[in-house]
Amino acid sequence: MEDKKRNDKHRSAMQKQKAKVDSHIAEASTERGVAILLTGNGKGKSSSAFGMVMRALGYGHKVAVIQFIKGQQLSGEELYLRAMCPDVYFYQMGTGFTWNTQDRSADIEAAERTWQQAQTALSDPRYNLVVLDELTYMLAYKYLEQTKILDAIKNRPIEQSVVVTGRGGGKDLKDIMDTVSEVKEIKHAFKDGIKARKGVDF
């Protein structure tokens, strides 16, 4: 008898939940690409973006990945995409982290070159998904002009989705994005002296 009551209560709760979900699905009638910002101080922003790359490739979509900051140290995603997904357009700024280069002028030049690649992808309707990894740092350090970045994202082909990753990004960037998710750090192995792991951290 007690099990039946629990089952009936569970069924009733799930019916209400299903009705709520179905209602939201029915309300979502607009068909277009989405702009997603993955921000916050926690680990996993780029990993989430590359998860979407794998998802898009599963449907045979055309993908471009442009990485700002990264590029001096090989990463698992780079190795995999170059070996297994040659159709993915993959471009890296190649300077490494700005606190390593310590050369603002050279970093700005590299950022401008990399942005040209991003702008080309954002104007090409053949790309279903464009990932702009660590782009927010280019805004924070004022390496790139914010207006032209926002305009390129807003004016991209209607069916194209774009994913921007990195800490911060500013209010104006957040305002034009359809989805903004914040990854919050609770604790991190590195702060306990544990080295970064291949296949997990890079």
Protein backbone atom coordinates (compact mmCIF):
# COMPACT_ATOMS: atom_id res chain seq x y z
CA MET A 1 0.00 0.00 0.00
CA GLU A 2 2.83 2.38 0.92
CA ASP A 3 4.66 1.60 -2.35
CA LYS A 4 1.49 2.31 -4.32
CA LYS A 5 1.10 5.71 -2.64
CA ARG A 6 4.74 6.59 -3.42
CA ASN A 7 4.31 5.46 -7.03
CA ASP A 8 1.07 7.43 -7.43
CA LYS A 9 2.69 10.53 -5.93
CA HIS A 10 5.71 10.15 -8.21
CA ARG A 11 3.52 9.66 -11.29
CA SER A 12 1.48 12.76 -10.46
CA ALA A 13 4.63 14.86 -9.97
CA MET A 14 6.13 13.61 -13.26
CA GLN A 15 2.89 14.32 -15.14
CA LYS A 16 3.00 17.92 -13.92
CA GLN A 17 6.68 18.17 -14.84
CA LYS A 18 6.04 16.76 -18.32
CA ALA A 19 3.20 19.21 -18.91
CA LYS A 20 5.48 22.09 -17.91
CA VAL A 21 8.31 20.91 -20.19
CA ASP A 22 5.91 20.28 -23.10
CA SER A 23 4.50 23.79 -22.65
CA HIS A 24 7.97 25.37 -22.86
CA ILE A 25 8.80 23.30 -25.96
CA ALA A 26 5.58 24.42 -27.64
CA GLU A 27 6.37 28.07 -26.88
CA ALA A 28 9.83 27.81 -28.49
CA SER A 29 8.77 28.35 -32.10
CA THR A 30 11.67 30.46 -33.45
CA GLU A 31 14.09 28.57 -35.69
CA ARG A 32 17.57 30.17 -35.87
CA GLY A 33 21.13 29.80 -34.66
CA VAL A 34 21.96 30.71 -31.07
CA ALA A 35 24.74 32.71 -29.43
CA ILE A 36 26.13 31.11 -26.27
CA LEU A 37 28.54 32.58 -23.73
CA LEU A 38 30.31 30.20 -21.36
CA THR A 39 31.92 32.29 -18.64
CA GLY A 40 32.87 32.21 -14.96
CA ASN A 41 35.99 31.34 -12.95
CA GLY A 42 35.46 27.58 -12.97
CA LYS A 43 37.01 24.82 -15.06
CA GLY A 44 35.11 23.43 -18.03
CA LYS A 45 34.16 26.32 -20.32
CA SER A 46 36.27 25.25 -23.28
CA SER A 47 35.48 21.60 -22.56
CA SER A 48 31.77 22.39 -22.83
CA ALA A 49 32.33 24.22 -26.12
CA PHE A 50 34.21 21.24 -27.55
CA GLY A 51 31.38 19.02 -26.41
CA MET A 52 29.13 21.09 -28.69
CA VAL A 53 31.67 20.66 -31.48
CA MET A 54 31.35 16.88 -31.14
CA ARG A 55 27.57 17.18 -31.06
CA ALA A 56 27.52 19.30 -34.23
CA LEU A 57 29.87 16.90 -36.02
CA GLY A 58 27.55 14.05 -35.13
CA TYR A 59 24.92 15.70 -37.33
CA GLY A 60 27.40 16.32 -40.14
CA HIS A 61 27.51 20.06 -39.48
CA LYS A 62 30.34 22.29 -40.63
CA VAL A 63 32.38 23.68 -37.72
CA ALA A 64 35.05 26.35 -37.22
CA VAL A 65 37.12 26.64 -34.03
CA ILE A 66 39.19 29.76 -33.42
CA GLN A 67 41.26 29.80 -30.24
CA PHE A 68 42.54 33.03 -28.73
CA ILE A 69 45.47 32.93 -26.26
CA LYS A 70 46.07 29.17 -26.56
CA GLY A 71 48.39 27.51 -29.00
CA GLN A 72 51.88 26.98 -27.61
CA GLN A 73 51.08 23.79 -25.71
CA LEU A 74 49.32 20.95 -27.49
CA SER A 75 45.89 20.04 -26.20
CA GLY A 76 43.90 16.85 -26.54
CA GLU A 77 41.14 18.57 -28.47
CA GLU A 78 43.64 19.97 -30.99
CA LEU A 79 45.29 16.57 -31.46
CA TYR A 80 41.93 14.87 -31.93
CA LEU A 81 40.44 17.40 -34.32
CA ARG A 82 43.53 17.59 -36.51
CA ALA A 83 43.82 13.79 -36.70
CA MET A 84 40.19 12.71 -36.81
CA CYS A 85 38.22 15.73 -38.04
CA PRO A 86 40.17 17.33 -40.90
CA ASP A 87 37.02 19.08 -42.13
CA VAL A 88 36.89 21.21 -38.97
CA TYR A 89 38.50 24.60 -39.55
CA PHE A 90 40.90 25.00 -36.63
CA TYR A 91 42.94 28.17 -36.03
CA GLN A 92 44.97 29.18 -32.99
CA MET A 93 46.42 32.55 -32.08
CA GLY A 94 49.52 30.62 -31.10
CA THR A 95 51.04 33.06 -28.63
CA GLY A 96 50.21 31.21 -25.44
CA PHE A 97 49.00 33.08 -22.38
CA THR A 98 49.47 36.84 -22.23
CA TRP A 99 51.20 36.62 -18.85
CA ASN A 100 53.87 34.51 -20.56
CA THR A 101 54.41 36.71 -23.62
CA GLN A 102 54.44 40.00 -21.69
CA ASP A 103 54.47 41.83 -25.03
CA ARG A 104 51.27 43.85 -25.48
CA SER A 105 52.02 45.08 -29.00
CA ALA A 106 52.79 41.61 -30.32
CA ASP A 107 49.74 40.20 -28.57
CA ILE A 108 47.49 42.83 -30.15
CA GLU A 109 48.89 42.05 -33.61
CA ALA A 110 48.30 38.33 -33.03
CA ALA A 111 44.78 39.02 -31.75
CA GLU A 112 43.97 41.09 -34.86
CA ARG A 113 45.21 38.29 -37.15
CA THR A 114 43.17 35.75 -35.23
CA TRP A 115 40.09 37.96 -35.28
CA GLN A 116 40.28 38.12 -39.08
CA GLN A 117 39.89 34.33 -39.09
CA ALA A 118 36.95 34.58 -36.69
CA GLN A 119 35.28 37.32 -38.71
CA THR A 120 35.58 35.26 -41.89
CA ALA A 121 33.94 32.27 -40.20
CA LEU A 122 31.18 34.44 -38.70
CA SER A 123 30.28 35.76 -42.15
CA ASP A 124 30.26 32.34 -43.86
CA PRO A 125 26.79 30.71 -43.95
CA ARG A 126 28.36 27.32 -44.61
CA TYR A 127 29.44 27.13 -40.96
CA ASN A 128 26.74 25.77 -38.67
CA LEU A 129 28.83 26.32 -35.53
CA VAL A 130 31.67 28.73 -34.75
CA VAL A 131 33.58 28.44 -31.47
CA LEU A 132 35.51 31.51 -30.30
CA ASP A 133 37.53 30.03 -27.46
CA GLU A 134 38.89 32.50 -24.85
CA LEU A 135 37.66 35.50 -26.84
CA THR A 136 36.59 37.32 -23.67
CA TYR A 137 40.21 37.96 -22.71
CA MET A 138 40.70 39.95 -25.90
CA LEU A 139 37.96 42.29 -24.68
CA ALA A 140 39.21 42.41 -21.10
CA TYR A 141 42.74 43.34 -22.19
CA LYS A 142 41.38 45.69 -24.89
CA TYR A 143 43.33 43.86 -27.59
CA LEU A 144 40.29 43.99 -29.88
CA GLU A 145 37.62 46.60 -30.43
CA GLN A 146 34.43 45.52 -28.70
CA THR A 147 32.04 47.08 -31.23
CA LYS A 148 33.29 45.09 -34.19
CA ILE A 149 33.12 41.84 -32.21
CA LEU A 150 29.55 42.47 -31.09
CA ASP A 151 28.52 43.51 -34.61
CA ALA A 152 30.03 40.39 -36.16
CA ILE A 153 28.22 38.14 -33.68
CA LYS A 154 24.90 39.95 -34.11
CA ASN A 155 25.13 40.04 -37.93
CA ARG A 156 26.27 36.45 -38.53
CA PRO A 157 24.16 34.19 -40.81
CA ILE A 158 20.79 33.49 -39.20
CA GLU A 159 21.24 29.70 -39.09
CA GLN A 160 24.74 29.89 -37.60
CA SER A 161 25.38 29.29 -33.90
CA VAL A 162 28.36 30.76 -32.06
CA VAL A 163 29.94 29.80 -28.75
CA VAL A 164 32.19 32.26 -26.90
CA THR A 165 34.25 31.12 -23.91
CA GLY A 166 36.37 32.80 -21.26
CA ARG A 167 36.06 34.63 -17.98
CA GLY A 168 34.11 37.85 -17.89
CA GLY A 169 33.26 39.35 -21.24
CA GLY A 170 31.39 42.39 -19.99
CA LYS A 171 27.74 43.40 -19.89
CA ASP A 172 27.46 44.35 -23.57
CA LEU A 173 28.59 40.90 -24.71
CA LYS A 174 26.25 39.18 -22.27
CA ASP A 175 23.35 41.32 -23.43
CA ILE A 176 23.55 40.17 -27.06
CA MET A 177 23.93 36.46 -26.26
CA ASP A 178 20.92 34.13 -26.24
CA THR A 179 22.33 31.85 -23.54
CA VAL A 180 24.82 32.77 -20.81
CA SER A 181 26.13 30.07 -18.50
CA GLU A 182 28.52 30.69 -15.62
CA VAL A 183 30.89 27.95 -14.50
CA LYS A 184 31.65 28.51 -10.83
CA GLU A 185 34.77 27.20 -9.13
CA ILE A 186 34.10 25.39 -5.87
CA LYS A 187 37.56 23.85 -5.57
CA HIS A 188 40.40 23.08 -7.96
CA ALA A 189 43.05 20.37 -7.79
CA PHE A 190 45.77 22.76 -8.97
CA LYS A 191 45.41 24.82 -5.79
CA ASP A 192 46.24 21.70 -3.81
CA GLY A 193 49.46 21.24 -5.76
CA ILE A 194 48.13 18.56 -8.14
CA LYS A 195 49.58 18.83 -11.63
CA ALA A 196 47.37 19.30 -14.69
CA ARG A 197 46.54 15.97 -16.35
CA LYS A 198 46.66 15.05 -20.04
CA GLY A 199 43.20 14.18 -21.25
CA VAL A 200 41.55 16.04 -18.36
CA ASP A 201 43.06 19.52 -18.14
CA PHE A 202 44.61 19.77 -21.60
